[in-house]
């Protein structure tokens, strides 16, 4: 159970970083975008490795739902910084 919670947290973080990377790419922040790409890819492959090891539909569903949650949080964070 703890592995699933950790998997969800990592995937949410990955999606937040991935969305921040897209925003920084759009804003032409090359160095920040590159650093975020490295971090996002590392997290992504950790998630993929865990899903393959687990080999269950539950792990796939957790990753899919966590992706949506992470994307939503990224937009909330972006909106907060735009208003500041």
N, C-alpha and C. Protein backbone atom coordinates (compact mmCIF):
# COMPACT_ATOMS: atom_id res chain seq x y z
N UNK A 1 0.83 -1.20 0.00
CA UNK A 1 0.00 0.00 0.00
C UNK A 1 0.87 1.26 0.00
N UNK A 2 1.93 1.25 0.79
CA UNK A 2 2.83 2.41 0.84
C UNK A 2 3.47 2.65 -0.51
N UNK A 3 3.77 1.56 -1.23
CA UNK A 3 4.37 1.71 -2.56
C UNK A 3 3.43 2.44 -3.51
N UNK A 4 2.13 2.17 -3.42
CA UNK A 4 1.16 2.83 -4.27
C UNK A 4 1.05 4.32 -3.93
N UNK A 5 1.08 4.63 -2.65
CA UNK A 5 1.02 6.03 -2.23
C UNK A 5 2.26 6.77 -2.72
N UNK A 6 3.43 6.16 -2.57
CA UNK A 6 4.67 6.76 -3.04
C UNK A 6 4.65 6.92 -4.56
N UNK A 7 4.15 5.91 -5.25
CA UNK A 7 4.03 5.98 -6.71
C UNK A 7 3.16 7.16 -7.11
N UNK A 8 2.03 7.34 -6.43
CA UNK A 8 1.12 8.45 -6.73
C UNK A 8 1.80 9.79 -6.48
N UNK A 9 2.49 9.93 -5.37
CA UNK A 9 3.17 11.19 -5.04
C UNK A 9 4.25 11.51 -6.07
N UNK A 10 5.02 10.51 -6.45
CA UNK A 10 6.08 10.73 -7.44
C UNK A 10 5.47 11.14 -8.78
N UNK A 11 4.39 10.49 -9.19
CA UNK A 11 3.77 10.83 -10.49
C UNK A 11 3.14 12.21 -10.45
N UNK A 12 2.53 12.58 -9.34
CA UNK A 12 1.98 13.94 -9.21
C UNK A 12 3.11 14.96 -9.34
N UNK A 13 4.22 14.71 -8.64
CA UNK A 13 5.38 15.59 -8.74
C UNK A 13 5.92 15.66 -10.15
N UNK A 14 5.98 14.52 -10.82
CA UNK A 14 6.45 14.47 -12.20
C UNK A 14 5.58 15.34 -13.09
N UNK A 15 4.27 15.26 -12.95
CA UNK A 15 3.38 16.05 -13.79
C UNK A 15 3.48 17.54 -13.49
N UNK A 16 3.67 17.88 -12.23
CA UNK A 16 3.86 19.30 -11.88
C UNK A 16 5.13 19.82 -12.54
N UNK A 17 6.20 19.05 -12.45
CA UNK A 17 7.46 19.46 -13.05
C UNK A 17 7.34 19.50 -14.57
N UNK A 18 6.68 18.53 -15.14
CA UNK A 18 6.50 18.47 -16.59
C UNK A 18 5.71 19.68 -17.10
N UNK A 19 4.68 20.07 -16.39
CA UNK A 19 3.89 21.24 -16.78
C UNK A 19 4.71 22.52 -16.61
N UNK A 20 5.46 22.60 -15.51
CA UNK A 20 6.34 23.76 -15.31
C UNK A 20 7.39 23.84 -16.41
N UNK A 21 7.86 22.69 -16.86
CA UNK A 21 8.82 22.65 -17.97
C UNK A 21 8.18 23.20 -19.24
N UNK A 22 6.97 22.80 -19.51
CA UNK A 22 6.28 23.30 -20.70
C UNK A 22 6.08 24.81 -20.64
N UNK A 23 5.72 25.30 -19.48
CA UNK A 23 5.53 26.75 -19.32
C UNK A 23 6.86 27.47 -19.49
N UNK A 24 7.92 26.94 -18.89
CA UNK A 24 9.23 27.60 -19.02
C UNK A 24 9.76 27.52 -20.45
N UNK A 25 9.43 26.45 -21.16
CA UNK A 25 9.81 26.35 -22.57
C UNK A 25 9.08 27.43 -23.38
N UNK A 26 7.80 27.60 -23.12
CA UNK A 26 7.00 28.61 -23.80
C UNK A 26 7.55 30.01 -23.52
N UNK A 27 8.03 30.22 -22.29
CA UNK A 27 8.58 31.53 -21.91
C UNK A 27 10.05 31.67 -22.32
N UNK A 28 10.57 30.68 -23.04
CA UNK A 28 11.94 30.66 -23.55
C UNK A 28 13.00 30.74 -22.45
N UNK A 29 12.73 30.07 -21.33
CA UNK A 29 13.71 29.96 -20.25
C UNK A 29 14.46 28.64 -20.47
N UNK A 30 15.49 28.71 -21.28
CA UNK A 30 16.16 27.50 -21.78
C UNK A 30 16.81 26.67 -20.67
N UNK A 31 17.53 27.31 -19.77
CA UNK A 31 18.24 26.56 -18.73
C UNK A 31 17.25 25.91 -17.76
N UNK A 32 16.27 26.69 -17.32
CA UNK A 32 15.26 26.14 -16.41
C UNK A 32 14.51 24.99 -17.06
N UNK A 33 14.13 25.17 -18.31
CA UNK A 33 13.42 24.12 -19.03
C UNK A 33 14.26 22.85 -19.14
N UNK A 34 15.53 23.01 -19.41
CA UNK A 34 16.43 21.85 -19.52
C UNK A 34 16.58 21.12 -18.20
N UNK A 35 16.74 21.86 -17.12
CA UNK A 35 16.86 21.25 -15.78
C UNK A 35 15.58 20.51 -15.42
N UNK A 36 14.44 21.13 -15.67
CA UNK A 36 13.16 20.49 -15.37
C UNK A 36 12.95 19.24 -16.22
N UNK A 37 13.45 19.24 -17.45
CA UNK A 37 13.35 18.06 -18.30
C UNK A 37 14.12 16.89 -17.70
N UNK A 38 15.32 17.15 -17.21
CA UNK A 38 16.13 16.10 -16.59
C UNK A 38 15.41 15.52 -15.37
N UNK A 39 14.90 16.38 -14.52
CA UNK A 39 14.20 15.93 -13.31
C UNK A 39 12.94 15.14 -13.67
N UNK A 40 12.18 15.67 -14.62
CA UNK A 40 10.95 15.00 -15.03
C UNK A 40 11.23 13.62 -15.62
N UNK A 41 12.25 13.51 -16.45
CA UNK A 41 12.58 12.22 -17.05
C UNK A 41 13.01 11.21 -16.00
N UNK A 42 13.78 11.66 -15.02
CA UNK A 42 14.20 10.78 -13.94
C UNK A 42 12.98 10.24 -13.19
N UNK A 43 12.07 11.13 -12.82
CA UNK A 43 10.86 10.69 -12.12
C UNK A 43 10.01 9.79 -12.99
N UNK A 44 9.88 10.13 -14.27
CA UNK A 44 9.08 9.33 -15.19
C UNK A 44 9.59 7.90 -15.27
N UNK A 45 10.91 7.74 -15.42
CA UNK A 45 11.45 6.38 -15.54
C UNK A 45 11.39 5.62 -14.23
N UNK A 46 11.45 6.32 -13.10
CA UNK A 46 11.23 5.65 -11.81
C UNK A 46 9.80 5.12 -11.74
N UNK A 47 8.85 5.91 -12.21
CA UNK A 47 7.44 5.49 -12.22
C UNK A 47 7.26 4.30 -13.15
N UNK A 48 7.80 4.39 -14.36
CA UNK A 48 7.68 3.29 -15.32
C UNK A 48 8.28 2.00 -14.76
N UNK A 49 9.44 2.12 -14.13
CA UNK A 49 10.09 0.95 -13.54
C UNK A 49 9.20 0.31 -12.48
N UNK A 50 8.58 1.13 -11.65
CA UNK A 50 7.72 0.61 -10.59
C UNK A 50 6.47 -0.05 -11.17
N UNK A 51 5.90 0.55 -12.20
CA UNK A 51 4.69 -0.03 -12.82
C UNK A 51 5.03 -1.38 -13.44
N UNK A 52 6.17 -1.46 -14.11
CA UNK A 52 6.57 -2.73 -14.73
C UNK A 52 6.84 -3.79 -13.66
N UNK A 53 7.51 -3.40 -12.59
CA UNK A 53 7.77 -4.35 -11.50
C UNK A 53 6.47 -4.83 -10.86
N UNK A 54 5.53 -3.90 -10.64
CA UNK A 54 4.27 -4.24 -9.98
C UNK A 54 3.38 -5.08 -10.88
N UNK A 55 3.32 -4.70 -12.16
CA UNK A 55 2.59 -5.47 -13.17
C UNK A 55 1.11 -5.70 -12.80
N UNK A 56 0.46 -4.62 -12.30
CA UNK A 56 -0.98 -4.73 -11.99
C UNK A 56 -1.73 -3.58 -12.64
N UNK A 57 -3.01 -3.81 -12.86
CA UNK A 57 -3.88 -2.76 -13.39
C UNK A 57 -4.00 -1.62 -12.39
N UNK A 58 -3.98 -1.94 -11.10
CA UNK A 58 -4.08 -0.91 -10.06
C UNK A 58 -2.95 0.10 -10.19
N UNK A 59 -1.73 -0.35 -10.42
CA UNK A 59 -0.60 0.56 -10.56
C UNK A 59 -0.80 1.49 -11.76
N UNK A 60 -1.31 0.95 -12.85
CA UNK A 60 -1.56 1.75 -14.05
C UNK A 60 -2.64 2.80 -13.78
N UNK A 61 -3.70 2.42 -13.10
CA UNK A 61 -4.78 3.35 -12.78
C UNK A 61 -4.28 4.44 -11.84
N UNK A 62 -3.48 4.08 -10.86
CA UNK A 62 -2.92 5.06 -9.93
C UNK A 62 -2.07 6.09 -10.68
N UNK A 63 -1.24 5.63 -11.61
CA UNK A 63 -0.40 6.53 -12.39
C UNK A 63 -1.27 7.44 -13.27
N UNK A 64 -2.29 6.89 -13.89
CA UNK A 64 -3.16 7.69 -14.76
C UNK A 64 -3.89 8.78 -13.97
N UNK A 65 -4.48 8.40 -12.85
CA UNK A 65 -5.21 9.37 -12.02
C UNK A 65 -4.25 10.41 -11.44
N UNK A 66 -3.10 9.96 -11.01
CA UNK A 66 -2.10 10.88 -10.45
C UNK A 66 -1.61 11.87 -11.49
N UNK A 67 -1.55 11.46 -12.75
CA UNK A 67 -1.17 12.37 -13.83
C UNK A 67 -2.16 13.52 -13.94
N UNK A 68 -3.43 13.20 -13.88
CA UNK A 68 -4.46 14.25 -13.93
C UNK A 68 -4.40 15.17 -12.72
N UNK A 69 -4.20 14.60 -11.56
CA UNK A 69 -4.10 15.40 -10.33
C UNK A 69 -2.88 16.32 -10.41
N UNK A 70 -1.75 15.78 -10.84
CA UNK A 70 -0.53 16.58 -10.96
C UNK A 70 -0.70 17.72 -11.95
N UNK A 71 -1.37 17.46 -13.05
CA UNK A 71 -1.61 18.50 -14.05
C UNK A 71 -2.49 19.60 -13.47
N UNK A 72 -3.51 19.21 -12.73
CA UNK A 72 -4.42 20.19 -12.11
C UNK A 72 -3.66 21.05 -11.11
N UNK A 73 -2.85 20.42 -10.25
CA UNK A 73 -2.05 21.16 -9.26
C UNK A 73 -1.09 22.13 -9.94
N UNK A 74 -0.52 21.71 -11.05
CA UNK A 74 0.43 22.57 -11.77
C UNK A 74 -0.26 23.85 -12.24
N UNK A 75 -1.49 23.73 -12.72
CA UNK A 75 -2.21 24.92 -13.14
C UNK A 75 -2.57 25.80 -11.96
N UNK A 76 -2.92 25.21 -10.82
CA UNK A 76 -3.19 26.01 -9.62
C UNK A 76 -1.95 26.78 -9.19
N UNK A 77 -0.80 26.11 -9.22
CA UNK A 77 0.46 26.76 -8.86
C UNK A 77 0.77 27.88 -9.85
N UNK A 78 0.61 27.61 -11.13
CA UNK A 78 0.87 28.62 -12.15
C UNK A 78 -0.04 29.83 -11.97
N UNK A 79 -1.33 29.60 -11.70
CA UNK A 79 -2.26 30.71 -11.47
C UNK A 79 -1.84 31.53 -10.26
N UNK A 80 -1.37 30.88 -9.22
CA UNK A 80 -0.95 31.58 -8.01
C UNK A 80 0.22 32.51 -8.31
N UNK A 81 1.20 32.02 -9.11
CA UNK A 81 2.36 32.84 -9.42
C UNK A 81 2.02 33.96 -10.40
N UNK A 82 1.05 33.75 -11.27
CA UNK A 82 0.65 34.81 -12.20
C UNK A 82 0.02 35.98 -11.47
N UNK A 83 -0.72 35.69 -10.39
CA UNK A 83 -1.40 36.74 -9.62
C UNK A 83 -0.44 37.49 -8.71
N UNK A 84 0.67 36.85 -8.35
CA UNK A 84 1.61 37.49 -7.40
C UNK A 84 2.45 38.56 -8.05
